[in-house]
Amino acid sequence: MFLPAGLSKLTGFEGTLGYFASLGIPAPTFALAATIVIKIIGGIALLVGYQTRLVAIIMALFTLAAAVTGHAFWAAPVDSAFIAQLLFFKNIAVMGGLLVLASAGAGSFSFDGRKEAK
């Protein structure tokens, strides 16, 4: 889910930049560029199982930050608070999965698994 989201932010850079600015994120251009890099590189690393434990922790922290800054349902207008709340708790669930992955590590077909087998 991170890789397609990062690619869509890359292809829709201007629109996403406007959204980031509307959230009051400081240095929105830098924040968006960092978000794209984290989502694309982190997504690929998780897919292939490279440095899985470390990447999963980084992605979990990133997902928590995204939930708090991008889906602050407690500060959202009444007409959009429900959707923001759903997206916030979706991010919390994803974060939980990432922490399980950080704990368990990658499988035997991953780069990490092949490295351990040697």
PDB file of N, CA and C in Angstrom:
ATOM      1  N   MET A   1       0.802  -1.206   0.000  1.00  0.00           N
ATOM      2  CA  MET A   1       0.000   0.000   0.000  1.00  0.00           C
ATOM      3  C   MET A   1       0.843   1.268   0.000  1.00  0.00           C
ATOM      4  N   PHE A   2       2.070   1.175   0.497  1.00  0.00           N
ATOM      5  CA  PHE A   2       2.929   2.362   0.524  1.00  0.00           C
ATOM      6  C   PHE A   2       3.425   2.737  -0.865  1.00  0.00           C
ATOM      7  N   LEU A   3       3.812   1.743  -1.656  1.00  0.00           N
ATOM      8  CA  LEU A   3       4.355   2.020  -2.981  1.00  0.00           C
ATOM      9  C   LEU A   3       3.329   2.701  -3.887  1.00  0.00           C
ATOM     10  N   PRO A   4       2.114   2.173  -4.040  1.00  0.00           N
ATOM     11  CA  PRO A   4       1.142   2.885  -4.880  1.00  0.00           C
ATOM     12  C   PRO A   4       0.799   4.275  -4.352  1.00  0.00           C
ATOM     13  N   ALA A   5       0.741   4.429  -3.033  1.00  0.00           N
ATOM     14  CA  ALA A   5       0.434   5.743  -2.455  1.00  0.00           C
ATOM     15  C   ALA A   5       1.562   6.722  -2.739  1.00  0.00           C
ATOM     16  N   GLY A   6       2.796   6.277  -2.651  1.00  0.00           N
ATOM     17  CA  GLY A   6       3.933   7.146  -2.953  1.00  0.00           C
ATOM     18  C   GLY A   6       3.964   7.541  -4.416  1.00  0.00           C
ATOM     19  N   LEU A   7       3.674   6.583  -5.293  1.00  0.00           N
ATOM     20  CA  LEU A   7       3.653   6.879  -6.723  1.00  0.00           C
ATOM     21  C   LEU A   7       2.523   7.846  -7.074  1.00  0.00           C
ATOM     22  N   SER A   8       1.366   7.695  -6.422  1.00  0.00           N
ATOM     23  CA  SER A   8       0.247   8.609  -6.710  1.00  0.00           C
ATOM     24  C   SER A   8       0.556  10.018  -6.202  1.00  0.00           C
ATOM     25  N   LYS A   9       1.282  10.114  -5.097  1.00  0.00           N
ATOM     26  CA  LYS A   9       1.691  11.445  -4.619  1.00  0.00           C
ATOM     27  C   LYS A   9       2.710  12.074  -5.574  1.00  0.00           C
ATOM     28  N   LEU A  10       3.554  11.242  -6.155  1.00  0.00           N
ATOM     29  CA  LEU A  10       4.542  11.729  -7.114  1.00  0.00           C
ATOM     30  C   LEU A  10       3.862  12.239  -8.382  1.00  0.00           C
ATOM     31  N   THR A  11       2.894  11.481  -8.891  1.00  0.00           N
ATOM     32  CA  THR A  11       2.206  11.896 -10.125  1.00  0.00           C
ATOM     33  C   THR A  11       1.215  13.031  -9.879  1.00  0.00           C
ATOM     34  N   GLY A  12       0.728  13.149  -8.672  1.00  0.00           N
ATOM     35  CA  GLY A  12      -0.191  14.232  -8.333  1.00  0.00           C
ATOM     36  C   GLY A  12       0.450  15.211  -7.383  1.00  0.00           C
ATOM     37  N   PHE A  13       1.699  15.547  -7.647  1.00  0.00           N
ATOM     38  CA  PHE A  13       2.503  16.347  -6.716  1.00  0.00           C
ATOM     39  C   PHE A  13       1.825  17.663  -6.341  1.00  0.00           C
ATOM     40  N   GLU A  14       1.387  18.435  -7.335  1.00  0.00           N
ATOM     41  CA  GLU A  14       0.816  19.766  -7.053  1.00  0.00           C
ATOM     42  C   GLU A  14      -0.447  19.678  -6.195  1.00  0.00           C
ATOM     43  N   GLY A  15      -1.321  18.735  -6.516  1.00  0.00           N
ATOM     44  CA  GLY A  15      -2.543  18.577  -5.723  1.00  0.00           C
ATOM     45  C   GLY A  15      -2.250  18.164  -4.296  1.00  0.00           C
ATOM     46  N   THR A  16      -1.317  17.221  -4.141  1.00  0.00           N
ATOM     47  CA  THR A  16      -0.947  16.770  -2.801  1.00  0.00           C
ATOM     48  C   THR A  16      -0.239  17.870  -2.032  1.00  0.00           C
ATOM     49  N   LEU A  17       0.555  18.663  -2.733  1.00  0.00           N
ATOM     50  CA  LEU A  17       1.233  19.790  -2.096  1.00  0.00           C
ATOM     51  C   LEU A  17       0.209  20.775  -1.538  1.00  0.00           C
ATOM     52  N   GLY A  18      -0.843  21.041  -2.296  1.00  0.00           N
ATOM     53  CA  GLY A  18      -1.912  21.913  -1.812  1.00  0.00           C
ATOM     54  C   GLY A  18      -2.583  21.342  -0.574  1.00  0.00           C
ATOM     55  N   TYR A  19      -2.788  20.020  -0.564  1.00  0.00           N
ATOM     56  CA  TYR A  19      -3.396  19.364   0.597  1.00  0.00           C
ATOM     57  C   TYR A  19      -2.470  19.480   1.814  1.00  0.00           C
ATOM     58  N   PHE A  20      -1.184  19.223   1.621  1.00  0.00           N
ATOM     59  CA  PHE A  20      -0.233  19.339   2.726  1.00  0.00           C
ATOM     60  C   PHE A  20      -0.225  20.770   3.276  1.00  0.00           C
ATOM     61  N   ALA A  21      -0.234  21.747   2.380  1.00  0.00           N
ATOM     62  CA  ALA A  21      -0.242  23.150   2.813  1.00  0.00           C
ATOM     63  C   ALA A  21      -1.512  23.468   3.587  1.00  0.00           C
ATOM     64  N   SER A  22      -2.656  22.911   3.153  1.00  0.00           N
ATOM     65  CA  SER A  22      -3.926  23.176   3.843  1.00  0.00           C
ATOM     66  C   SER A  22      -3.948  22.591   5.244  1.00  0.00           C
ATOM     67  N   LEU A  23      -3.121  21.568   5.487  1.00  0.00           N
ATOM     68  CA  LEU A  23      -3.034  20.972   6.821  1.00  0.00           C
ATOM     69  C   LEU A  23      -2.141  21.781   7.755  1.00  0.00           C
ATOM     70  N   GLY A  24      -1.439  22.766   7.193  1.00  0.00           N
ATOM     71  CA  GLY A  24      -0.540  23.575   7.999  1.00  0.00           C
ATOM     72  C   GLY A  24       0.794  22.903   8.272  1.00  0.00           C
ATOM     73  N   ILE A  25       1.138  21.925   7.450  1.00  0.00           N
ATOM     74  CA  ILE A  25       2.418  21.234   7.619  1.00  0.00           C
ATOM     75  C   ILE A  25       3.533  22.213   7.271  1.00  0.00           C
ATOM     76  N   PRO A  26       4.509  22.377   8.163  1.00  0.00           N
ATOM     77  CA  PRO A  26       5.622  23.284   7.852  1.00  0.00           C
ATOM     78  C   PRO A  26       6.450  22.730   6.693  1.00  0.00           C
ATOM     79  N   ALA A  27       6.965  23.615   5.860  1.00  0.00           N
ATOM     80  CA  ALA A  27       7.774  23.247   4.689  1.00  0.00           C
ATOM     81  C   ALA A  27       7.088  22.135   3.899  1.00  0.00           C
ATOM     82  N   PRO A  28       5.895  22.406   3.379  1.00  0.00           N
ATOM     83  CA  PRO A  28       5.124  21.342   2.739  1.00  0.00           C
ATOM     84  C   PRO A  28       5.817  20.694   1.540  1.00  0.00           C
ATOM     85  N   THR A  29       6.609  21.449   0.791  1.00  0.00           N
ATOM     86  CA  THR A  29       7.310  20.857  -0.351  1.00  0.00           C
ATOM     87  C   THR A  29       8.324  19.824   0.127  1.00  0.00           C
ATOM     88  N   PHE A  30       9.097  20.176   1.139  1.00  0.00           N
ATOM     89  CA  PHE A  30      10.051  19.221   1.709  1.00  0.00           C
ATOM     90  C   PHE A  30       9.330  18.023   2.320  1.00  0.00           C
ATOM     91  N   ALA A  31       8.248  18.294   3.070  1.00  0.00           N
ATOM     92  CA  ALA A  31       7.494  17.214   3.706  1.00  0.00           C
ATOM     93  C   ALA A  31       6.921  16.252   2.665  1.00  0.00           C
ATOM     94  N   LEU A  32       6.421  16.800   1.559  1.00  0.00           N
ATOM     95  CA  LEU A  32       5.872  15.945   0.510  1.00  0.00           C
ATOM     96  C   LEU A  32       6.974  15.134  -0.159  1.00  0.00           C
ATOM     97  N   ALA A  33       8.098  15.766  -0.458  1.00  0.00           N
ATOM     98  CA  ALA A  33       9.216  15.035  -1.074  1.00  0.00           C
ATOM     99  C   ALA A  33       9.695  13.915  -0.151  1.00  0.00           C
ATOM    100  N   ALA A  34       9.813  14.202   1.137  1.00  0.00           N
ATOM    101  CA  ALA A  34      10.224  13.181   2.105  1.00  0.00           C
ATOM    102  C   ALA A  34       9.192  12.064   2.180  1.00  0.00           C
ATOM    103  N   THR A  35       7.918  12.425   2.155  1.00  0.00           N
ATOM    104  CA  THR A  35       6.846  11.432   2.184  1.00  0.00           C
ATOM    105  C   THR A  35       6.934  10.505   0.981  1.00  0.00           C
ATOM    106  N   ILE A  36       7.148  11.077  -0.189  1.00  0.00           N
ATOM    107  CA  ILE A  36       7.249  10.272  -1.412  1.00  0.00           C
ATOM    108  C   ILE A  36       8.436   9.311  -1.319  1.00  0.00           C
ATOM    109  N   VAL A  37       9.579   9.817  -0.900  1.00  0.00           N
ATOM    110  CA  VAL A  37      10.770   8.974  -0.777  1.00  0.00           C
ATOM    111  C   VAL A  37      10.533   7.851   0.230  1.00  0.00           C
ATOM    112  N   ILE A  38       9.995   8.191   1.387  1.00  0.00           N
ATOM    113  CA  ILE A  38       9.750   7.188   2.428  1.00  0.00           C
ATOM    114  C   ILE A  38       8.773   6.130   1.931  1.00  0.00           C
ATOM    115  N   LYS A  39       7.686   6.564   1.300  1.00  0.00           N
ATOM    116  CA  LYS A  39       6.677   5.599   0.850  1.00  0.00           C
ATOM    117  C   LYS A  39       7.198   4.705  -0.262  1.00  0.00           C
ATOM    118  N   ILE A  40       7.911   5.270  -1.226  1.00  0.00           N
ATOM    119  CA  ILE A  40       8.388   4.458  -2.350  1.00  0.00           C
ATOM    120  C   ILE A  40       9.535   3.544  -1.921  1.00  0.00           C
ATOM    121  N   ILE A  41      10.562   4.103  -1.306  1.00  0.00           N
ATOM    122  CA  ILE A  41      11.708   3.274  -0.910  1.00  0.00           C
ATOM    123  C   ILE A  41      11.331   2.305   0.205  1.00  0.00           C
ATOM    124  N   GLY A  42      10.582   2.796   1.187  1.00  0.00           N
ATOM    125  CA  GLY A  42      10.138   1.913   2.267  1.00  0.00           C
ATOM    126  C   GLY A  42       9.215   0.819   1.772  1.00  0.00           C
ATOM    127  N   GLY A  43       8.317   1.166   0.853  1.00  0.00           N
ATOM    128  CA  GLY A  43       7.407   0.170   0.286  1.00  0.00           C
ATOM    129  C   GLY A  43       8.153  -0.915  -0.467  1.00  0.00           C
ATOM    130  N   ILE A  44       9.130  -0.518  -1.270  1.00  0.00           N
ATOM    131  CA  ILE A  44       9.932  -1.498  -2.017  1.00  0.00           C
ATOM    132  C   ILE A  44      10.735  -2.372  -1.051  1.00  0.00           C
ATOM    133  N   ALA A  45      11.342  -1.747  -0.043  1.00  0.00           N
ATOM    134  CA  ALA A  45      12.132  -2.506   0.937  1.00  0.00           C
ATOM    135  C   ALA A  45      11.270  -3.546   1.650  1.00  0.00           C
ATOM    136  N   LEU A  46      10.044  -3.169   2.017  1.00  0.00           N
ATOM    137  CA  LEU A  46       9.155  -4.128   2.671  1.00  0.00           C
ATOM    138  C   LEU A  46       8.731  -5.239   1.713  1.00  0.00           C
ATOM    139  N   LEU A  47       8.478  -4.880   0.469  1.00  0.00           N
ATOM    140  CA  LEU A  47       8.057  -5.893  -0.512  1.00  0.00           C
ATOM    141  C   LEU A  47       9.114  -6.962  -0.745  1.00  0.00           C
ATOM    142  N   VAL A  48      10.362  -6.548  -0.798  1.00  0.00           N
ATOM    143  CA  VAL A  48      11.431  -7.518  -1.068  1.00  0.00           C
ATOM    144  C   VAL A  48      12.052  -8.068   0.214  1.00  0.00           C
ATOM    145  N   GLY A  49      11.692  -7.507   1.344  1.00  0.00           N
ATOM    146  CA  GLY A  49      12.212  -7.992   2.614  1.00  0.00           C
ATOM    147  C   GLY A  49      13.647  -7.597   2.861  1.00  0.00           C
ATOM    148  N   TYR A  50      13.961  -6.341   2.590  1.00  0.00           N
ATOM    149  CA  TYR A  50      15.309  -5.825   2.814  1.00  0.00           C
ATOM    150  C   TYR A  50      15.314  -4.970   4.078  1.00  0.00           C
ATOM    151  N   GLN A  51      16.163  -5.335   5.042  1.00  0.00           N
ATOM    152  CA  GLN A  51      16.226  -4.617   6.327  1.00  0.00           C
ATOM    153  C   GLN A  51      14.826  -4.473   6.930  1.00  0.00           C
ATOM    154  N   THR A  52      14.086  -5.559   6.902  1.00  0.00           N
ATOM    155  CA  THR A  52      12.660  -5.543   7.218  1.00  0.00           C
ATOM    156  C   THR A  52      12.347  -4.994   8.598  1.00  0.00           C
ATOM    157  N   ARG A  53      13.047  -5.438   9.589  1.00  0.00           N
ATOM    158  CA  ARG A  53      12.743  -4.987  10.956  1.00  0.00           C
ATOM    159  C   ARG A  53      12.927  -3.473  11.092  1.00  0.00           C
ATOM    160  N   LEU A  54      14.044  -2.965  10.616  1.00  0.00           N
ATOM    161  CA  LEU A  54      14.321  -1.532  10.699  1.00  0.00           C
ATOM    162  C   LEU A  54      13.326  -0.732   9.861  1.00  0.00           C
ATOM    163  N   VAL A  55      13.099  -1.160   8.634  1.00  0.00           N
ATOM    164  CA  VAL A  55      12.179  -0.437   7.749  1.00  0.00           C
ATOM    165  C   VAL A  55      10.763  -0.463   8.320  1.00  0.00           C
ATOM    166  N   ALA A  56      10.349  -1.588   8.880  1.00  0.00           N
ATOM    167  CA  ALA A  56       9.003  -1.673   9.458  1.00  0.00           C
ATOM    168  C   ALA A  56       8.840  -0.704  10.626  1.00  0.00           C
ATOM    169  N   ILE A  57       9.858  -0.544  11.440  1.00  0.00           N
ATOM    170  CA  ILE A  57       9.792   0.409  12.554  1.00  0.00           C
ATOM    171  C   ILE A  57       9.723   1.836  12.018  1.00  0.00           C
ATOM    172  N   ILE A  58      10.559   2.143  11.030  1.00  0.00           N
ATOM    173  CA  ILE A  58      10.528   3.480  10.431  1.00  0.00           C
ATOM    174  C   ILE A  58       9.165   3.757   9.822  1.00  0.00           C
ATOM    175  N   MET A  59       8.622   2.780   9.108  1.00  0.00           N
ATOM    176  CA  MET A  59       7.318   2.964   8.465  1.00  0.00           C
ATOM    177  C   MET A  59       6.194   3.066   9.508  1.00  0.00           C
ATOM    178  N   ALA A  60       6.322   2.358  10.619  1.00  0.00           N
ATOM    179  CA  ALA A  60       5.319   2.466  11.685  1.00  0.00           C
ATOM    180  C   ALA A  60       5.325   3.873  12.284  1.00  0.00           C
ATOM    181  N   LEU A  61       6.509   4.412  12.532  1.00  0.00           N
ATOM    182  CA  LEU A  61       6.598   5.777  13.060  1.00  0.00           C
ATOM    183  C   LEU A  61       6.078   6.794  12.044  1.00  0.00           C
ATOM    184  N   PHE A  62       6.424   6.597  10.794  1.00  0.00           N
ATOM    185  CA  PHE A  62       5.927   7.465   9.729  1.00  0.00           C
ATOM    186  C   PHE A  62       4.396   7.394   9.650  1.00  0.00           C
ATOM    187  N   THR A  63       3.848   6.197   9.757  1.00  0.00           N
ATOM    188  CA  THR A  63       2.395   6.015   9.681  1.00  0.00           C
ATOM    189  C   THR A  63       1.696   6.682  10.860  1.00  0.00           C
ATOM    190  N   LEU A  64       2.303   6.616  12.035  1.00  0.00           N
ATOM    191  CA  LEU A  64       1.737   7.310  13.194  1.00  0.00           C
ATOM    192  C   LEU A  64       1.746   8.818  12.962  1.00  0.00           C
ATOM    193  N   ALA A  65       2.858   9.338  12.466  1.00  0.00           N
ATOM    194  CA  ALA A  65       2.936  10.777  12.184  1.00  0.00           C
ATOM    195  C   ALA A  65       1.907  11.181  11.130  1.00  0.00           C
ATOM    196  N   ALA A  66       1.740  10.354  10.107  1.00  0.00           N
ATOM    197  CA  ALA A  66       0.757  10.646   9.067  1.00  0.00           C
ATOM    198  C   ALA A  66      -0.663  10.618   9.629  1.00  0.00           C
ATOM    199  N   ALA A  67      -0.931   9.700  10.542  1.00  0.00           N
ATOM    200  CA  ALA A  67      -2.261   9.619  11.148  1.00  0.00           C
ATOM    201  C   ALA A  67      -2.572  10.883  11.943  1.00  0.00           C
ATOM    202  N   VAL A  68      -1.601  11.329  12.722  1.00  0.00           N
ATOM    203  CA  VAL A  68      -1.822  12.490  13.584  1.00  0.00           C
ATOM    204  C   VAL A  68      -1.910  13.780  12.766  1.00  0.00           C
ATOM    205  N   THR A  69      -1.061  13.927  11.763  1.00  0.00           N
ATOM    206  CA  THR A  69      -1.065  15.177  10.998  1.00  0.00           C
ATOM    207  C   THR A  69      -2.092  15.188   9.871  1.00  0.00           C
ATOM    208  N   GLY A  70      -2.288  14.056   9.226  1.00  0.00           N
ATOM    209  CA  GLY A  70      -3.165  14.022   8.054  1.00  0.00           C
ATOM    210  C   GLY A  70      -4.601  13.626   8.325  1.00  0.00           C
ATOM    211  N   HIS A  71      -4.849  12.996   9.457  1.00  0.00           N
ATOM    212  CA  HIS A  71      -6.202  12.488   9.729  1.00  0.00           C
ATOM    213  C   HIS A  71      -6.648  12.844  11.146  1.00  0.00           C
ATOM    214  N   ALA A  72      -6.406  14.075  11.535  1.00  0.00           N
ATOM    215  CA  ALA A  72      -6.748  14.541  12.885  1.00  0.00           C
ATOM    216  C   ALA A  72      -8.260  14.741  12.995  1.00  0.00           C
ATOM    217  N   PHE A  73      -8.975  13.656  13.211  1.00  0.00           N
ATOM    218  CA  PHE A  73     -10.442  13.711  13.235  1.00  0.00           C
ATOM    219  C   PHE A  73     -10.968  14.593  14.355  1.00  0.00           C
ATOM    220  N   TRP A  74     -10.219  14.719  15.435  1.00  0.00           N
ATOM    221  CA  TRP A  74     -10.643  15.545  16.569  1.00  0.00           C
ATOM    222  C   TRP A  74     -10.655  17.038  16.227  1.00  0.00           C
ATOM    223  N   ALA A  75      -9.954  17.408  15.160  1.00  0.00           N
ATOM    224  CA  ALA A  75      -9.926  18.813  14.754  1.00  0.00           C
ATOM    225  C   ALA A  75     -10.629  19.039  13.423  1.00  0.00           C
ATOM    226  N   ALA A  76     -11.199  17.987  12.856  1.00  0.00           N
ATOM    227  CA  ALA A  76     -11.826  18.076  11.536  1.00  0.00           C
ATOM    228  C   ALA A  76     -13.224  18.675  11.649  1.00  0.00           C
ATOM    229  N   PRO A  77     -13.687  19.331  10.583  1.00  0.00           N
ATOM    230  CA  PRO A  77     -15.070  19.807  10.567  1.00  0.00           C
ATOM    231  C   PRO A  77     -16.033  18.620  10.707  1.00  0.00           C
ATOM    232  N   VAL A  78     -17.176  18.882  11.277  1.00  0.00           N
ATOM    233  CA  VAL A  78     -18.142  17.823  11.574  1.00  0.00           C
ATOM    234  C   VAL A  78     -18.470  16.981  10.343  1.00  0.00           C
ATOM    235  N   ASP A  79     -18.595  17.616   9.183  1.00  0.00           N
ATOM    236  CA  ASP A  79     -18.990  16.879   7.982  1.00  0.00           C
ATOM    237  C   ASP A  79     -17.891  15.949   7.453  1.00  0.00           C
ATOM    238  N   SER A  80     -16.650  16.117   7.889  1.00  0.00           N
ATOM    239  CA  SER A  80     -15.577  15.234   7.422  1.00  0.00           C
ATOM    240  C   SER A  80     -14.893  14.478   8.564  1.00  0.00           C
ATOM    241  N   ALA A  81     -15.370  14.633   9.769  1.00  0.00           N
ATOM    242  CA  ALA A  81     -14.730  14.002  10.926  1.00  0.00           C
ATOM    243  C   ALA A  81     -14.821  12.483  10.873  1.00  0.00           C
ATOM    244  N   PHE A  82     -15.939  11.944  10.392  1.00  0.00           N
ATOM    245  CA  PHE A  82     -16.106  10.489  10.366  1.00  0.00           C
ATOM    246  C   PHE A  82     -15.084   9.836   9.433  1.00  0.00           C
ATOM    247  N   ILE A  83     -14.905  10.390   8.240  1.00  0.00           N
ATOM    248  CA  ILE A  83     -13.938   9.853   7.290  1.00  0.00           C
ATOM    249  C   ILE A  83     -12.528   9.992   7.843  1.00  0.00           C
ATOM    250  N   ALA A  84     -12.224  11.133   8.433  1.00  0.00           N
ATOM    251  CA  ALA A  84     -10.905  11.339   9.030  1.00  0.00           C
ATOM    252  C   ALA A  84     -10.654  10.325  10.143  1.00  0.00           C
ATOM    253  N   GLN A  85     -11.688  10.032  10.917  1.00  0.00           N
ATOM    254  CA  GLN A  85     -11.555   9.051  11.993  1.00  0.00           C
ATOM    255  C   GLN A  85     -11.291   7.656  11.425  1.00  0.00           C
ATOM    256  N   LEU A  86     -12.000   7.283  10.371  1.00  0.00           N
ATOM    257  CA  LEU A  86     -11.760   5.987   9.729  1.00  0.00           C
ATOM    258  C   LEU A  86     -10.325   5.888   9.222  1.00  0.00           C
ATOM    259  N   LEU A  87      -9.853   6.933   8.571  1.00  0.00           N
ATOM    260  CA  LEU A  87      -8.491   6.931   8.039  1.00  0.00           C
ATOM    261  C   LEU A  87      -7.454   6.921   9.161  1.00  0.00           C
ATOM    262  N   PHE A  88      -7.732   7.620  10.241  1.00  0.00           N
ATOM    263  CA  PHE A  88      -6.828   7.620  11.393  1.00  0.00           C
ATOM    264  C   PHE A  88      -6.682   6.202  11.942  1.00  0.00           C
ATOM    265  N   PHE A  89      -7.797   5.539  12.185  1.00  0.00           N
ATOM    266  CA  PHE A  89      -7.720   4.202  12.768  1.00  0.00           C
ATOM    267  C   PHE A  89      -7.224   3.162  11.775  1.00  0.00           C
ATOM    268  N   LYS A  90      -7.399   3.405  10.480  1.00  0.00           N
ATOM    269  CA  LYS A  90      -6.772   2.551   9.461  1.00  0.00           C
ATOM    270  C   LYS A  90      -5.269   2.641   9.604  1.00  0.00           C
ATOM    271  N   ASN A  91      -4.757   3.854   9.773  1.00  0.00           N
ATOM    272  CA  ASN A  91      -3.316   4.031   9.945  1.00  0.00           C
ATOM    273  C   ASN A  91      -2.816   3.350  11.217  1.00  0.00           C
ATOM    274  N   ILE A  92      -3.593   3.414  12.282  1.00  0.00           N
ATOM    275  CA  ILE A  92      -3.195   2.757  13.531  1.00  0.00           C
ATOM    276  C   ILE A  92      -3.140   1.247  13.327  1.00  0.00           C
ATOM    277  N   ALA A  93      -4.096   0.691  12.582  1.00  0.00           N
ATOM    278  CA  ALA A  93      -4.091  -0.745  12.296  1.00  0.00           C
ATOM    279  C   ALA A  93      -2.882  -1.127  11.440  1.00  0.00           C
ATOM    280  N   VAL A  94      -2.572  -0.325  10.442  1.00  0.00           N
ATOM    281  CA  VAL A  94      -1.395  -0.570   9.604  1.00  0.00           C
ATOM    282  C   VAL A  94      -0.137  -0.511  10.463  1.00  0.00           C
ATOM    283  N   MET A  95      -0.085   0.453  11.357  1.00  0.00           N
ATOM    284  CA  MET A  95       1.055   0.578  12.249  1.00  0.00           C
ATOM    285  C   MET A  95       1.213  -0.690  13.093  1.00  0.00           C
ATOM    286  N   GLY A  96       0.118  -1.229  13.569  1.00  0.00           N
ATOM    287  CA  GLY A  96       0.173  -2.474  14.334  1.00  0.00           C
ATOM    288  C   GLY A  96       0.746  -3.615  13.508  1.00  0.00           C
ATOM    289  N   GLY A  97       0.314  -3.712  12.259  1.00  0.00           N
ATOM    290  CA  GLY A  97       0.861  -4.742  11.377  1.00  0.00           C
ATOM    291  C   GLY A  97       2.349  -4.556  11.136  1.00  0.00           C
ATOM    292  N   LEU A  98       2.776  -3.320  10.982  1.00  0.00           N
ATOM    293  CA  LEU A  98       4.191  -3.047  10.790  1.00  0.00           C
ATOM    294  C   LEU A  98       5.007  -3.425  12.024  1.00  0.00           C
ATOM    295  N   LEU A  99       4.454  -3.201  13.197  1.00  0.00           N
ATOM    296  CA  LEU A  99       5.164  -3.572  14.423  1.00  0.00           C
ATOM    297  C   LEU A  99       5.249  -5.088  14.575  1.00  0.00           C
ATOM    298  N   VAL A 100       4.220  -5.806  14.127  1.00  0.00           N
ATOM    299  CA  VAL A 100       4.293  -7.272  14.120  1.00  0.00           C
ATOM    300  C   VAL A 100       5.388  -7.717  13.154  1.00  0.00           C
ATOM    301  N   LEU A 101       5.437  -7.090  11.985  1.00  0.00           N
ATOM    302  CA  LEU A 101       6.477  -7.408  11.008  1.00  0.00           C
ATOM    303  C   LEU A 101       7.869  -7.092  11.570  1.00  0.00           C
ATOM    304  N   ALA A 102       7.987  -5.988  12.275  1.00  0.00           N
ATOM    305  CA  ALA A 102       9.264  -5.638  12.899  1.00  0.00           C
ATOM    306  C   ALA A 102       9.670  -6.685  13.935  1.00  0.00           C
ATOM    307  N   SER A 103       8.702  -7.231  14.623  1.00  0.00           N
ATOM    308  CA  SER A 103       8.977  -8.246  15.633  1.00  0.00           C
ATOM    309  C   SER A 103       9.324  -9.597  15.010  1.00  0.00           C
ATOM    310  N   ALA A 104       8.562 -10.000  13.992  1.00  0.00           N
ATOM    311  CA  ALA A 104       8.732 -11.327  13.389  1.00  0.00           C
ATOM    312  C   ALA A 104       9.847 -11.361  12.355  1.00  0.00           C
ATOM    313  N   GLY A 105      10.081 -10.251  11.677  1.00  0.00           N
ATOM    314  CA  GLY A 105      11.065 -10.231  10.605  1.00  0.00           C
ATOM    315  C   GLY A 105      10.473 -10.760   9.313  1.00  0.00           C
ATOM    316  N   ALA A 106      11.312 -10.804   8.307  1.00  0.00           N
ATOM    317  CA  ALA A 106      10.873 -11.225   6.975  1.00  0.00           C
ATOM    318  C   ALA A 106      10.908 -12.752   6.858  1.00  0.00           C
ATOM    319  N   GLY A 107      10.275 -13.251   5.828  1.00  0.00           N
ATOM    320  CA  GLY A 107      10.245 -14.689   5.580  1.00  0.00           C
ATOM    321  C   GLY A 107      11.488 -15.175   4.856  1.00  0.00           C
ATOM    322  N   SER A 108      11.510 -16.460   4.576  1.00  0.00           N
ATOM    323  CA  SER A 108      12.701 -17.085   3.994  1.00  0.00           C
ATOM    324  C   SER A 108      12.965 -16.679   2.546  1.00  0.00           C
ATOM    325  N   PHE A 109      11.955 -16.184   1.825  1.00  0.00           N
ATOM    326  CA  PHE A 109      12.145 -15.770   0.438  1.00  0.00           C
ATOM    327  C   PHE A 109      12.649 -14.328   0.314  1.00  0.00           C
ATOM    328  N   SER A 110      12.753 -13.642   1.419  1.00  0.00           N
ATOM    329  CA  SER A 110      13.171 -12.241   1.405  1.00  0.00           C
ATOM    330  C   SER A 110      14.684 -12.113   1.312  1.00  0.00           C
ATOM    331  N   PHE A 111      15.164 -10.906   1.048  1.00  0.00           N
ATOM    332  CA  PHE A 111      16.597 -10.646   1.102  1.00  0.00           C
ATOM    333  C   PHE A 111      17.133 -10.956   2.493  1.00  0.00           C
ATOM    334  N   ASP A 112      16.402 -10.549   3.512  1.00  0.00           N
ATOM    335  CA  ASP A 112      16.833 -10.812   4.878  1.00  0.00           C
ATOM    336  C   ASP A 112      16.891 -12.309   5.161  1.00  0.00           C
ATOM    337  N   GLY A 113      15.888 -13.048   4.713  1.00  0.00           N
ATOM    338  CA  GLY A 113      15.840 -14.488   4.927  1.00  0.00           C
ATOM    339  C   GLY A 113      16.963 -15.215   4.218  1.00  0.00           C
ATOM    340  N   ARG A 114      17.281 -14.793   3.019  1.00  0.00           N
ATOM    341  CA  ARG A 114      18.398 -15.424   2.284  1.00  0.00           C
ATOM    342  C   ARG A 114      19.732 -15.113   2.937  1.00  0.00           C
ATOM    343  N   LYS A 115      19.856 -13.907   3.483  1.00  0.00           N
ATOM    344  CA  LYS A 115      21.091 -13.516   4.164  1.00  0.00           C
ATOM    345  C   LYS A 115      21.296 -14.371   5.416  1.00  0.00           C
ATOM    346  N   GLU A 116      20.211 -14.625   6.153  1.00  0.00           N
ATOM    347  CA  GLU A 116      20.292 -15.439   7.381  1.00  0.00           C
ATOM    348  C   GLU A 116      20.615 -16.881   7.055  1.00  0.00           C
ATOM    349  N   ALA A 117      20.147 -17.375   5.905  1.00  0.00           N
ATOM    350  CA  ALA A 117      20.370 -18.758   5.534  1.00  0.00           C
ATOM    351  C   ALA A 117      21.828 -19.053   5.200  1.00  0.00           C
ATOM    352  N   LYS A 118      22.573 -18.013   4.817  1.00  0.00           N
ATOM    353  CA  LYS A 118      23.988 -18.233   4.437  1.00  0.00           C
ATOM    354  C   LYS A 118      24.867 -18.410   5.608  1.00  0.00           C
TER     355      LYS A 118
END
